[in-house]
Amino acid sequence: MKEPSFSVSVILSTYNAVAWLEKVMWGFNAQTFRNFELVIADDGSGPETAVLIEQMRSTVFYPIQHIWQEDEGFQKSRILNKALTAAQGTYIVMTDGDCIPRADFLEVHNRHKSVGYFLSGGYFMLPMSISETITPDDIEKQRCFSVKWLKSHGLSRSFKNNKLRAGGSWSQFLNYWTPTKATWNGHNASGWREDLLAVNGFDERMQYGGQDRELGERLVHLGIKPKQLRYSAICVHLDHKRSYKTQESIDKNKGIRREVAQTKAIWTDFGIVKK
């Protein structure tokens, strides 16, 4: 079997959000780091998503895998495990189909990757009005990461704007001093594929509400340390409704996480490898 020509697999989750997915795919086409594949983890989208992906295949420079499953409600953990199994890179970057990566997003993840660690990034939330305004040209020219450009389109003043302004030693300072804990964040995190397989991927009992954090907690129990990149690995988060968010799901997931914390569990019996 021929070895893949790329070292990084980007796993990107999506569900019936074609307009947002297209913007995100243009974001990956603007990356300065180019040695990667895109693995789209599709949790049951309709045919419009497949049509978009086929159109983009002939336009973007990177190879694409489209991993799809039947729509059975919010089953993100299940499709992410399928995508992780299909990924060919030795290093995995995970994000969502509503997060446009800045041009240096993968370069930052690749530069900071280290054996024994996973990387924890954040996001910069945009209002719906700006989310809809962004064009492929704004992404190519990186205007949508400029605070000045965003303010001209209605962005409010906030300390969080430093996520887009910070660079060099200033971003490192903010990464170190931020009170936000470094966790595995589904919208912006990365780690070694062998580590993710060693904990058996995501717990497929978990729907919306902390299933990404739970994966990171098992990685920590394995001995993998989190490293904060909140102000270095930058993506802008497009606004959308969350109809799949339920209190029942959140409460169930909290119970699973409590058990994992108490037992210091590393492996889940409900992941890639089933009982």
Protein backbone atom coordinates (compact mmCIF):
# COMPACT_ATOMS: atom_id res chain seq x y z
CA MET A 1 0.00 0.00 0.00
CA LYS A 2 1.35 3.39 -1.01
CA GLU A 3 2.13 5.73 1.90
CA PRO A 4 0.03 8.94 1.93
CA SER A 5 1.84 12.07 0.76
CA PHE A 6 0.51 14.14 3.67
CA SER A 7 1.28 14.10 7.39
CA VAL A 8 -1.86 15.78 8.76
CA SER A 9 -5.50 14.77 8.49
CA VAL A 10 -8.03 17.51 9.21
CA ILE A 11 -11.32 16.01 10.44
CA LEU A 12 -14.17 18.44 9.95
CA SER A 13 -17.72 17.71 11.14
CA THR A 14 -20.79 18.94 9.25
CA TYR A 15 -24.56 18.53 9.05
CA ASN A 16 -26.79 20.25 6.47
CA ALA A 17 -24.91 23.56 6.49
CA VAL A 18 -23.77 23.92 2.88
CA ALA A 19 -23.20 27.69 2.90
CA TRP A 20 -21.04 27.52 6.03
CA LEU A 21 -19.16 24.41 4.86
CA GLU A 22 -18.20 26.11 1.60
CA LYS A 23 -16.70 29.07 3.47
CA VAL A 24 -14.72 26.71 5.71
CA MET A 25 -13.40 24.75 2.73
CA TRP A 26 -12.20 28.00 1.16
CA GLY A 27 -10.47 28.70 4.46
CA PHE A 28 -8.48 25.49 4.17
CA ASN A 29 -7.61 26.37 0.58
CA ALA A 30 -5.87 29.49 1.93
CA GLN A 31 -3.60 27.57 4.34
CA THR A 32 0.12 28.25 4.34
CA PHE A 33 0.70 24.66 5.53
CA ARG A 34 -0.37 22.45 2.65
CA ASN A 35 0.67 18.91 3.58
CA PHE A 36 -2.80 17.72 4.66
CA GLU A 37 -6.00 15.98 3.65
CA LEU A 38 -9.52 17.07 4.59
CA VAL A 39 -11.77 14.35 6.01
CA ILE A 40 -15.37 15.58 6.13
CA ALA A 41 -17.33 13.79 8.88
CA ASP A 42 -20.91 14.15 7.63
CA ASP A 43 -23.60 13.24 10.17
CA GLY A 44 -26.36 12.56 7.64
CA SER A 45 -26.52 15.66 5.43
CA GLY A 46 -28.74 15.73 2.36
CA PRO A 47 -27.45 15.53 -1.24
CA GLU A 48 -26.63 19.26 -1.44
CA THR A 49 -23.55 18.66 0.74
CA ALA A 50 -22.26 15.88 -1.54
CA VAL A 51 -22.78 18.13 -4.58
CA LEU A 52 -20.78 20.95 -2.96
CA ILE A 53 -17.93 18.61 -2.03
CA GLU A 54 -17.71 17.27 -5.60
CA GLN A 55 -17.62 20.82 -6.94
CA MET A 56 -14.88 21.82 -4.51
CA ARG A 57 -12.74 18.76 -5.29
CA SER A 58 -11.89 20.25 -8.69
CA THR A 59 -11.11 23.67 -7.22
CA VAL A 60 -9.11 23.26 -3.99
CA PHE A 61 -5.54 21.98 -3.84
CA TYR A 62 -6.02 19.45 -1.03
CA PRO A 63 -7.46 15.90 -1.22
CA ILE A 64 -10.89 15.31 0.32
CA GLN A 65 -12.52 12.27 1.91
CA HIS A 66 -16.29 12.48 2.43
CA ILE A 67 -17.35 10.12 5.23
CA TRP A 68 -21.16 10.00 5.48
CA GLN A 69 -23.68 8.17 7.64
CA GLU A 70 -27.47 8.00 7.76
CA ASP A 71 -29.25 10.77 9.65
CA GLU A 72 -30.28 9.25 13.00
CA GLY A 73 -30.33 12.43 15.02
CA PHE A 74 -27.21 14.01 16.54
CA GLN A 75 -24.58 11.25 16.23
CA LYS A 76 -21.44 13.36 15.92
CA SER A 77 -19.36 11.03 18.10
CA ARG A 78 -20.13 8.10 15.80
CA ILE A 79 -19.23 9.91 12.55
CA LEU A 80 -16.05 11.35 14.07
CA ASN A 81 -14.93 7.83 14.96
CA LYS A 82 -15.57 6.73 11.37
CA ALA A 83 -13.59 9.70 10.09
CA LEU A 84 -10.75 8.99 12.52
CA THR A 85 -10.60 5.40 11.25
CA ALA A 86 -10.49 6.63 7.63
CA ALA A 87 -7.88 9.36 8.25
CA GLN A 88 -4.47 8.60 6.74
CA GLY A 89 -2.30 11.20 8.46
CA THR A 90 -0.31 10.46 11.61
CA TYR A 91 -1.44 13.75 13.15
CA ILE A 92 -5.10 14.77 13.51
CA VAL A 93 -6.55 18.27 13.59
CA MET A 94 -10.26 18.42 14.46
CA THR A 95 -12.62 21.30 13.72
CA ASP A 96 -16.21 21.99 12.68
CA GLY A 97 -17.92 22.94 9.45
CA ASP A 98 -18.83 26.35 10.87
CA CYS A 99 -15.27 27.46 11.77
CA ILE A 100 -13.21 29.26 9.10
CA PRO A 101 -9.49 28.74 9.79
CA ARG A 102 -7.04 31.62 9.49
CA ALA A 103 -4.31 31.06 6.89
CA ASP A 104 -1.76 30.02 9.54
CA PHE A 105 -4.19 27.73 11.42
CA LEU A 106 -2.61 24.43 10.35
CA GLU A 107 0.90 25.88 10.36
CA VAL A 108 0.46 26.74 14.05
CA HIS A 109 -0.90 23.30 14.92
CA ASN A 110 1.89 21.59 13.00
CA ARG A 111 4.61 23.76 14.54
CA HIS A 112 3.47 23.13 18.11
CA LYS A 113 2.71 19.40 17.85
CA SER A 114 4.77 17.37 20.29
CA VAL A 115 4.86 13.76 21.47
CA GLY A 116 2.96 13.41 24.74
CA TYR A 117 0.74 16.44 24.16
CA PHE A 118 -2.51 17.50 22.51
CA LEU A 119 -3.22 21.08 21.45
CA SER A 120 -6.22 23.11 22.56
CA GLY A 121 -7.37 26.02 20.41
CA GLY A 122 -10.38 28.31 20.65
CA TYR A 123 -12.65 30.27 18.34
CA PHE A 124 -13.79 33.83 17.71
CA MET A 125 -17.59 33.98 17.54
CA LEU A 126 -19.16 36.12 14.81
CA PRO A 127 -22.74 37.40 14.76
CA MET A 128 -25.08 36.14 12.05
CA SER A 129 -24.95 39.41 10.08
CA ILE A 130 -21.16 39.14 9.59
CA SER A 131 -21.29 35.35 9.11
CA GLU A 132 -23.57 35.82 6.11
CA THR A 133 -21.52 38.71 4.71
CA ILE A 134 -18.19 36.86 4.37
CA THR A 135 -17.33 35.92 0.77
CA PRO A 136 -14.69 33.56 -0.65
CA ASP A 137 -12.64 36.65 -1.59
CA ASP A 138 -12.81 37.89 2.01
CA ILE A 139 -11.43 34.52 3.07
CA GLU A 140 -8.72 34.41 0.41
CA LYS A 141 -7.61 37.97 1.26
CA GLN A 142 -8.03 37.20 5.03
CA ARG A 143 -10.23 40.27 5.60
CA CYS A 144 -12.53 38.26 7.87
CA PHE A 145 -9.69 37.96 10.40
CA SER A 146 -9.07 41.72 10.50
CA VAL A 147 -10.61 43.46 13.52
CA LYS A 148 -10.77 46.69 11.48
CA TRP A 149 -12.73 44.96 8.70
CA LEU A 150 -15.01 43.19 11.16
CA LYS A 151 -15.70 46.45 13.03
CA SER A 152 -16.65 48.09 9.74
CA HIS A 153 -19.29 45.36 9.45
CA GLY A 154 -20.66 45.85 12.96
CA LEU A 155 -18.32 43.97 15.32
CA SER A 156 -18.45 45.32 18.89
CA ARG A 157 -15.42 46.23 21.00
CA SER A 158 -14.29 43.41 23.30
CA PHE A 159 -11.18 42.04 25.00
CA LYS A 160 -11.83 38.89 22.96
CA ASN A 161 -10.79 40.84 19.86
CA ASN A 162 -7.22 40.19 21.07
CA LYS A 163 -7.63 36.65 19.71
CA LEU A 164 -7.40 38.17 16.24
CA ARG A 165 -4.87 40.91 17.07
CA ALA A 166 -2.37 38.92 19.12
CA GLY A 167 0.77 37.52 17.56
CA GLY A 168 4.27 36.41 18.50
CA SER A 169 5.18 36.84 22.16
CA TRP A 170 1.87 38.59 22.93
CA SER A 171 -0.16 35.55 21.86
CA GLN A 172 2.17 33.29 23.86
CA PHE A 173 1.66 35.51 26.91
CA LEU A 174 -2.13 35.36 26.53
CA ASN A 175 -2.01 31.56 26.03
CA TYR A 176 -0.11 31.25 29.29
CA TRP A 177 -2.20 33.63 31.39
CA THR A 178 -5.71 32.90 30.12
CA PRO A 179 -7.93 31.49 32.90
CA THR A 180 -9.55 29.17 30.34
CA LYS A 181 -8.42 25.59 30.85
CA ALA A 182 -6.76 23.78 27.94
CA THR A 183 -9.24 21.07 26.87
CA TRP A 184 -9.99 19.00 23.78
CA ASN A 185 -12.31 21.32 21.85
CA GLY A 186 -14.17 19.83 18.90
CA HIS A 187 -13.95 23.07 16.95
CA ASN A 188 -10.18 23.46 17.34
CA ALA A 189 -7.92 20.74 18.75
CA SER A 190 -5.20 18.40 17.54
CA GLY A 191 -3.28 15.34 18.60
CA TRP A 192 -1.52 12.20 17.44
CA ARG A 193 -3.75 9.64 15.77
CA GLU A 194 -2.17 6.82 17.78
CA ASP A 195 -3.13 8.60 21.03
CA LEU A 196 -6.74 9.05 19.90
CA LEU A 197 -6.91 5.37 18.98
CA ALA A 198 -5.32 4.41 22.30
CA VAL A 199 -8.36 5.80 24.15
CA ASN A 200 -10.74 4.25 21.55
CA GLY A 201 -11.92 7.57 20.11
CA PHE A 202 -15.19 9.20 21.12
CA ASP A 203 -17.79 7.64 23.41
CA GLU A 204 -20.72 7.03 21.04
CA ARG A 205 -23.28 7.10 23.85
CA MET A 206 -22.74 10.86 23.99
CA GLN A 207 -24.70 13.30 21.86
CA TYR A 208 -24.45 17.09 22.21
CA GLY A 209 -22.73 18.51 25.26
CA GLY A 210 -19.12 17.85 26.19
CA GLN A 211 -18.33 14.70 24.21
CA ASP A 212 -15.17 16.41 22.97
CA ARG A 213 -14.10 17.37 26.49
CA GLU A 214 -14.66 13.79 27.66
CA LEU A 215 -12.26 12.53 24.97
CA GLY A 216 -9.64 14.99 26.21
CA GLU A 217 -10.15 13.88 29.79
CA ARG A 218 -9.36 10.28 28.84
CA LEU A 219 -6.28 11.48 26.94
CA VAL A 220 -5.09 13.21 30.13
CA HIS A 221 -5.63 9.97 32.08
CA LEU A 222 -3.47 8.26 29.45
CA GLY A 223 -0.71 10.74 30.28
CA ILE A 224 -1.17 13.09 27.32
CA LYS A 225 -0.85 16.70 28.46
CA PRO A 226 -2.92 19.57 27.02
CA LYS A 227 -1.17 22.63 25.60
CA GLN A 228 -3.00 25.96 25.27
CA LEU A 229 -3.15 27.60 21.80
CA ARG A 230 -6.27 29.71 22.37
CA TYR A 231 -4.62 32.89 21.08
CA SER A 232 -2.43 31.29 18.40
CA ALA A 233 -4.50 28.77 16.40
CA ILE A 234 -7.28 31.03 15.16
CA CYS A 235 -10.63 30.31 13.53
CA VAL A 236 -13.77 32.44 13.28
CA HIS A 237 -17.01 30.71 14.26
CA LEU A 238 -20.03 31.34 12.04
CA ASP A 239 -23.34 31.80 13.83
CA HIS A 240 -26.14 29.21 13.68
CA LYS A 241 -29.00 27.72 15.68
CA ARG A 242 -28.52 24.55 17.76
CA SER A 243 -31.80 22.66 17.53
CA TYR A 244 -30.01 19.46 18.60
CA LYS A 245 -29.11 20.91 22.02
CA THR A 246 -31.21 19.25 24.74
CA GLN A 247 -30.97 19.26 28.52
CA GLU A 248 -31.43 15.48 28.55
CA SER A 249 -28.32 15.01 26.40
CA ILE A 250 -26.29 17.45 28.46
CA ASP A 251 -27.28 15.77 31.75
CA LYS A 252 -26.50 12.29 30.39
CA ASN A 253 -23.07 13.41 29.20
CA LYS A 254 -22.29 15.04 32.54
CA GLY A 255 -22.99 11.71 34.21
CA ILE A 256 -20.60 9.89 31.87
CA ARG A 257 -17.92 12.50 32.48
CA ARG A 258 -18.32 12.20 36.26
CA GLU A 259 -17.78 8.45 36.01
CA VAL A 260 -14.72 8.92 33.80
CA ALA A 261 -13.28 11.42 36.30
CA GLN A 262 -13.91 9.13 39.27
CA THR A 263 -12.44 6.02 37.67
CA LYS A 264 -9.65 7.83 35.77
CA ALA A 265 -10.82 5.90 32.72
CA ILE A 266 -8.64 5.83 29.61
CA TRP A 267 -10.63 3.47 27.37
CA THR A 268 -14.32 3.61 26.43
CA ASP A 269 -16.16 0.41 25.54
CA PHE A 270 -18.46 2.54 23.35
CA GLY A 271 -15.89 3.92 20.93
CA ILE A 272 -14.29 2.73 17.69
CA VAL A 273 -13.76 -0.80 18.98
CA LYS A 274 -17.03 -2.17 20.40
CA LYS A 275 -17.38 -4.80 23.10
